[in-house]
Amino acid sequence: MIDMTNKYSSSLLTMMYVISVIILASLIIGFGTLTLIFLILGVVALVNPSARLGILHDILSGIGNVNSPWAILFAILFLLFIIAMSILIAWSVFKLIQNVQHKIFFETSTLRYIKGVLWGYGAIIIWDYLGSVIAGSFGLDIGTIGSDQSSSGISLLMWFALYAIYIIFKYGIQLQDDSNKIV
């Protein structure tokens, strides 16, 4: 029975590991691609003033009722920041799964990866809230970029749960360090 449970856990961890690698790779590729596209568009807009109006018109027609290039810049930065924090979370989860596979539990590296998830998720929650406030002042609709505002309470509760897990691991590591010093 225990062997079946260990085999099932190992298979599940392997599947989670593969999925986390795929997610991490896709986020990195997406971030790099978007950054490259935005940089190329920026260079084209600076070099060719007539193209600037065409690019601006195409982007504005795709976003909605936006009239300001600053709003477009904000939307681009908003999107890149959300993806960057998602990469931080995906990397931390990937490393956490590696630690669990190697049976590394109450060590500082595990705590560091939990902190990475905590910081990334907290930054997304705060940035999403601030982004919606700033977007409202620009008249920019970031509903398709940002998360659903109706789930902000649930997101905050998830962050509280992650923080509680972080504190539990931090306390466990302190207890283990104290125990190791006594022996």
Protein backbone atom coordinates (compact mmCIF):
# COMPACT_ATOMS: atom_id res chain seq x y z
CA MET A 1 0.00 0.00 0.00
CA ILE A 2 2.79 2.42 0.92
CA ASP A 3 4.71 1.46 -2.22
CA MET A 4 1.61 2.28 -4.36
CA THR A 5 1.25 5.65 -2.64
CA ASN A 6 4.93 6.47 -3.17
CA LYS A 7 4.72 5.39 -6.80
CA TYR A 8 1.60 7.53 -7.31
CA SER A 9 3.23 10.53 -5.60
CA SER A 10 6.35 10.11 -7.67
CA SER A 11 4.33 9.92 -10.91
CA LEU A 12 2.30 12.97 -9.93
CA LEU A 13 5.47 14.90 -9.05
CA THR A 14 7.03 13.95 -12.38
CA MET A 15 3.93 15.12 -14.22
CA MET A 16 3.90 18.37 -12.24
CA TYR A 17 7.59 18.84 -12.98
CA VAL A 18 7.08 18.42 -16.74
CA ILE A 19 4.10 20.78 -16.74
CA SER A 20 6.02 23.40 -14.73
CA VAL A 21 8.92 23.21 -17.22
CA ILE A 22 6.52 23.70 -20.13
CA ILE A 23 4.80 26.64 -18.43
CA LEU A 24 8.11 28.25 -17.49
CA ALA A 25 9.49 27.84 -21.01
CA SER A 26 6.33 29.24 -22.62
CA LEU A 27 6.33 32.25 -20.30
CA ILE A 28 10.00 32.99 -21.03
CA ILE A 29 9.45 32.62 -24.77
CA GLY A 30 6.32 34.80 -24.59
CA PHE A 31 8.10 37.48 -22.57
CA GLY A 32 11.06 37.51 -24.95
CA THR A 33 8.85 37.59 -28.02
CA LEU A 34 6.67 40.43 -26.73
CA THR A 35 9.71 42.41 -25.62
CA LEU A 36 11.30 41.97 -29.03
CA ILE A 37 8.10 42.97 -30.84
CA PHE A 38 7.65 46.06 -28.67
CA LEU A 39 11.30 47.05 -29.15
CA ILE A 40 11.06 46.65 -32.93
CA LEU A 41 7.85 48.68 -33.00
CA GLY A 42 9.54 51.35 -30.89
CA VAL A 43 12.56 51.53 -33.19
CA VAL A 44 10.35 51.67 -36.28
CA ALA A 45 8.26 54.42 -34.70
CA LEU A 46 11.38 56.44 -33.87
CA VAL A 47 13.09 55.96 -37.24
CA ASN A 48 10.11 56.37 -39.55
CA PRO A 49 7.67 59.11 -38.44
CA SER A 50 5.07 58.16 -41.05
CA ALA A 51 5.06 54.57 -39.74
CA ARG A 52 4.52 55.95 -36.24
CA LEU A 53 1.02 57.12 -37.17
CA GLY A 54 0.18 53.79 -38.79
CA ILE A 55 1.45 51.76 -35.82
CA LEU A 56 -0.32 54.07 -33.39
CA HIS A 57 -3.57 53.84 -35.37
CA ASP A 58 -3.41 50.03 -35.54
CA ILE A 59 -2.68 49.68 -31.84
CA LEU A 60 -5.39 52.16 -30.86
CA SER A 61 -7.96 50.39 -33.00
CA GLY A 62 -7.04 47.11 -31.32
CA ILE A 63 -7.29 48.44 -27.77
CA GLY A 64 -10.53 50.37 -27.98
CA ASN A 65 -11.26 53.94 -26.99
CA VAL A 66 -7.68 54.96 -26.21
CA ASN A 67 -6.22 58.19 -27.57
CA SER A 68 -2.92 58.42 -25.77
CA PRO A 69 0.42 56.84 -26.63
CA TRP A 70 1.12 56.91 -22.87
CA ALA A 71 -1.83 54.60 -22.35
CA ILE A 72 -0.34 52.21 -24.90
CA LEU A 73 3.03 52.36 -23.15
CA PHE A 74 1.30 51.68 -19.84
CA ALA A 75 -0.54 48.68 -21.31
CA ILE A 76 2.73 47.29 -22.69
CA LEU A 77 4.54 47.75 -19.37
CA PHE A 78 1.57 46.30 -17.50
CA LEU A 79 1.58 43.20 -19.67
CA LEU A 80 5.37 42.71 -19.46
CA PHE A 81 5.34 43.12 -15.66
CA ILE A 82 2.55 40.56 -15.23
CA ILE A 83 4.46 38.09 -17.42
CA ALA A 84 7.71 38.77 -15.54
CA MET A 85 6.03 38.05 -12.19
CA SER A 86 4.45 34.93 -13.69
CA ILE A 87 7.95 33.81 -14.68
CA LEU A 88 9.11 34.36 -11.08
CA ILE A 89 6.22 32.26 -9.81
CA ALA A 90 6.75 29.53 -12.42
CA TRP A 91 10.50 29.38 -11.65
CA SER A 92 9.84 29.16 -7.92
CA VAL A 93 7.24 26.42 -8.35
CA PHE A 94 9.60 24.54 -10.68
CA LYS A 95 12.37 24.70 -8.05
CA LEU A 96 9.95 23.72 -5.26
CA ILE A 97 8.93 20.62 -7.19
CA GLN A 98 12.62 19.79 -7.71
CA ASN A 99 13.20 20.11 -3.96
CA VAL A 100 10.26 17.81 -3.19
CA GLN A 101 11.54 15.25 -5.72
CA HIS A 102 14.94 15.31 -3.98
CA LYS A 103 13.22 15.17 -0.55
CA ILE A 104 14.50 18.61 0.45
CA PHE A 105 11.77 20.04 2.66
CA PHE A 106 12.68 22.23 5.62
CA GLU A 107 15.74 23.99 4.21
CA THR A 108 16.40 27.60 3.33
CA SER A 109 16.24 26.92 -0.42
CA THR A 110 12.65 25.70 -0.06
CA LEU A 111 11.82 28.78 1.97
CA ARG A 112 13.41 31.00 -0.70
CA TYR A 113 11.25 29.42 -3.42
CA ILE A 114 8.09 29.80 -1.35
CA LYS A 115 9.08 33.44 -0.85
CA GLY A 116 9.47 33.76 -4.65
CA VAL A 117 5.91 32.55 -5.18
CA LEU A 118 4.73 34.85 -2.40
CA TRP A 119 6.45 37.94 -3.81
CA GLY A 120 5.42 37.24 -7.39
CA TYR A 121 1.80 36.58 -6.51
CA GLY A 122 1.65 39.59 -4.18
CA ALA A 123 3.17 41.84 -6.84
CA ILE A 124 0.59 40.66 -9.37
CA ILE A 125 -2.27 41.36 -6.94
CA ILE A 126 -0.97 44.86 -6.13
CA TRP A 127 -0.01 45.67 -9.74
CA ASP A 128 -3.40 44.45 -10.96
CA TYR A 129 -5.18 46.73 -8.50
CA LEU A 130 -2.94 49.73 -9.23
CA GLY A 131 -3.12 48.96 -12.95
CA SER A 132 -6.90 49.08 -12.93
CA VAL A 133 -6.84 52.41 -11.07
CA ILE A 134 -4.28 53.90 -13.47
CA ALA A 135 -6.05 52.41 -16.49
CA GLY A 136 -9.28 54.00 -15.33
CA SER A 137 -7.61 57.40 -15.29
CA PHE A 138 -6.29 56.82 -18.85
CA GLY A 139 -9.59 55.41 -20.06
CA LEU A 140 -7.83 52.18 -20.96
CA ASP A 141 -9.66 48.88 -20.89
CA ILE A 142 -7.23 46.31 -19.49
CA GLY A 143 -9.89 43.75 -18.73
CA THR A 144 -8.37 41.29 -21.16
CA ILE A 145 -4.86 41.81 -19.74
CA GLY A 146 -5.58 42.00 -16.01
CA SER A 147 -7.33 39.46 -13.87
CA ASP A 148 -11.01 39.46 -13.08
CA GLN A 149 -11.78 41.99 -10.34
CA SER A 150 -14.51 39.77 -8.89
CA SER A 151 -11.86 37.27 -7.82
CA SER A 152 -9.68 39.83 -6.01
CA GLY A 153 -10.97 38.66 -2.62
CA ILE A 154 -10.10 35.07 -3.46
CA SER A 155 -6.68 36.16 -4.73
CA LEU A 156 -6.03 37.95 -1.47
CA LEU A 157 -7.07 34.87 0.53
CA MET A 158 -4.73 32.74 -1.59
CA TRP A 159 -1.91 35.17 -0.83
CA PHE A 160 -2.74 34.92 2.90
CA ALA A 161 -2.58 31.11 2.64
CA LEU A 162 0.80 31.31 0.89
CA TYR A 163 2.07 33.65 3.59
CA ALA A 164 0.89 31.25 6.31
CA ILE A 165 2.72 28.39 4.55
CA TYR A 166 5.82 30.58 4.35
CA ILE A 167 5.66 31.27 8.11
CA ILE A 168 5.15 27.56 8.85
CA PHE A 169 8.22 26.64 6.79
CA LYS A 170 10.25 29.45 8.32
CA TYR A 171 9.36 28.25 11.81
CA GLY A 172 10.08 24.62 10.83
CA ILE A 173 13.52 25.58 9.52
CA GLN A 174 14.27 27.49 12.74
CA LEU A 175 13.24 24.46 14.82
CA GLN A 176 15.39 22.17 12.69
CA ASP A 177 18.38 24.53 12.98
CA ASP A 178 17.94 24.69 16.77
CA SER A 179 17.68 20.90 16.89
CA ASN A 180 20.84 20.51 14.81
CA LYS A 181 22.75 22.90 17.13
CA ILE A 182 21.80 20.86 20.19
CA VAL A 183 22.96 17.59 18.70
